[in-house]
C-alpha atoms as a PDB file:
ATOM      1  CA  UNK A   1     -16.419 -76.274  -6.308  1.00  0.00           C
ATOM      2  CA  UNK A   2     -17.805 -73.446  -4.326  1.00  0.00           C
ATOM      3  CA  UNK A   3     -21.581 -72.795  -3.834  1.00  0.00           C
ATOM      4  CA  UNK A   4     -23.929 -70.382  -2.184  1.00  0.00           C
ATOM      5  CA  UNK A   5     -26.859 -71.603  -0.315  1.00  0.00           C
ATOM      6  CA  UNK A   6     -29.756 -69.539   0.692  1.00  0.00           C
ATOM      7  CA  UNK A   7     -32.193 -70.944   3.379  1.00  0.00           C
ATOM      8  CA  UNK A   8     -35.813 -71.069   2.326  1.00  0.00           C
ATOM      9  CA  UNK A   9     -37.477 -71.895   5.455  1.00  0.00           C
ATOM     10  CA  UNK A  10     -39.751 -74.783   6.087  1.00  0.00           C
ATOM     11  CA  UNK A  11     -43.667 -75.156   6.268  1.00  0.00           C
ATOM     12  CA  UNK A  12     -45.143 -76.383   9.384  1.00  0.00           C
ATOM     13  CA  UNK A  13     -46.751 -79.495   7.891  1.00  0.00           C
ATOM     14  CA  UNK A  14     -44.326 -82.220   6.125  1.00  0.00           C
ATOM     15  CA  UNK A  15     -46.922 -82.654   3.283  1.00  0.00           C
ATOM     16  CA  UNK A  16     -46.520 -79.207   2.028  1.00  0.00           C
ATOM     17  CA  UNK A  17     -42.626 -79.275   1.795  1.00  0.00           C
ATOM     18  CA  UNK A  18     -42.726 -79.787  -1.942  1.00  0.00           C
ATOM     19  CA  UNK A  19     -45.099 -77.083  -2.675  1.00  0.00           C
ATOM     20  CA  UNK A  20     -43.075 -74.654  -0.480  1.00  0.00           C
ATOM     21  CA  UNK A  21     -39.672 -75.463  -2.221  1.00  0.00           C
ATOM     22  CA  UNK A  22     -41.028 -75.283  -5.547  1.00  0.00           C
ATOM     23  CA  UNK A  23     -43.305 -72.466  -5.243  1.00  0.00           C
ATOM     24  CA  UNK A  24     -42.950 -68.811  -6.045  1.00  0.00           C
ATOM     25  CA  UNK A  25     -41.558 -66.362  -3.546  1.00  0.00           C
ATOM     26  CA  UNK A  26     -43.979 -64.118  -1.848  1.00  0.00           C
ATOM     27  CA  UNK A  27     -43.624 -60.309  -1.908  1.00  0.00           C
ATOM     28  CA  UNK A  28     -42.306 -60.255   1.386  1.00  0.00           C
ATOM     29  CA  UNK A  29     -39.652 -62.893   0.695  1.00  0.00           C
ATOM     30  CA  UNK A  30     -38.677 -60.991  -2.527  1.00  0.00           C
ATOM     31  CA  UNK A  31     -37.931 -57.981  -0.501  1.00  0.00           C
ATOM     32  CA  UNK A  32     -35.657 -60.021   1.652  1.00  0.00           C
ATOM     33  CA  UNK A  33     -33.879 -61.929  -1.139  1.00  0.00           C
ATOM     34  CA  UNK A  34     -33.013 -58.777  -3.114  1.00  0.00           C
ATOM     35  CA  UNK A  35     -30.288 -57.484  -0.735  1.00  0.00           C
ATOM     36  CA  UNK A  36     -29.061 -60.995  -0.180  1.00  0.00           C
ATOM     37  CA  UNK A  37     -28.618 -61.611  -4.037  1.00  0.00           C
ATOM     38  CA  UNK A  38     -26.772 -58.104  -4.171  1.00  0.00           C
ATOM     39  CA  UNK A  39     -24.425 -59.328  -1.536  1.00  0.00           C
ATOM     40  CA  UNK A  40     -23.936 -62.768  -3.005  1.00  0.00           C
ATOM     41  CA  UNK A  41     -23.119 -60.932  -6.382  1.00  0.00           C
ATOM     42  CA  UNK A  42     -20.511 -58.725  -4.527  1.00  0.00           C
ATOM     43  CA  UNK A  43     -18.903 -61.827  -2.795  1.00  0.00           C
ATOM     44  CA  UNK A  44     -18.729 -63.690  -5.960  1.00  0.00           C
ATOM     45  CA  UNK A  45     -17.142 -60.908  -7.994  1.00  0.00           C
ATOM     46  CA  UNK A  46     -14.671 -60.265  -5.055  1.00  0.00           C
ATOM     47  CA  UNK A  47     -13.785 -63.982  -5.195  1.00  0.00           C
ATOM     48  CA  UNK A  48     -13.170 -63.964  -8.974  1.00  0.00           C
ATOM     49  CA  UNK A  49     -10.903 -60.942  -8.764  1.00  0.00           C
ATOM     50  CA  UNK A  50      -8.874 -62.425  -5.977  1.00  0.00           C
ATOM     51  CA  UNK A  51      -8.505 -65.701  -7.915  1.00  0.00           C
ATOM     52  CA  UNK A  52      -7.430 -63.848 -11.056  1.00  0.00           C
ATOM     53  CA  UNK A  53      -4.722 -61.929  -9.203  1.00  0.00           C
ATOM     54  CA  UNK A  54      -3.272 -64.684  -7.040  1.00  0.00           C
ATOM     55  CA  UNK A  55      -1.519 -67.965  -7.848  1.00  0.00           C
ATOM     56  CA  UNK A  56      -3.554 -70.773  -9.145  1.00  0.00           C
ATOM     57  CA  UNK A  57      -5.490 -72.758  -6.559  1.00  0.00           C
ATOM     58  CA  UNK A  58      -6.973 -76.305  -6.500  1.00  0.00           C
ATOM     59  CA  UNK A  59     -10.504 -75.005  -6.238  1.00  0.00           C
END
């Protein structure tokens, strides 16, 4: 199984990790995330196209 992971950074204090991970993206983070998701979509579509044209694989 393939997966895409996007780093989210880490807060300065360990007690704030849960709120950081489960919180909403800031406007600045949303601006950074948009092109990353666009590129991830392109990569996923390229992967699907390549798999549909090639021999079956074990993935």
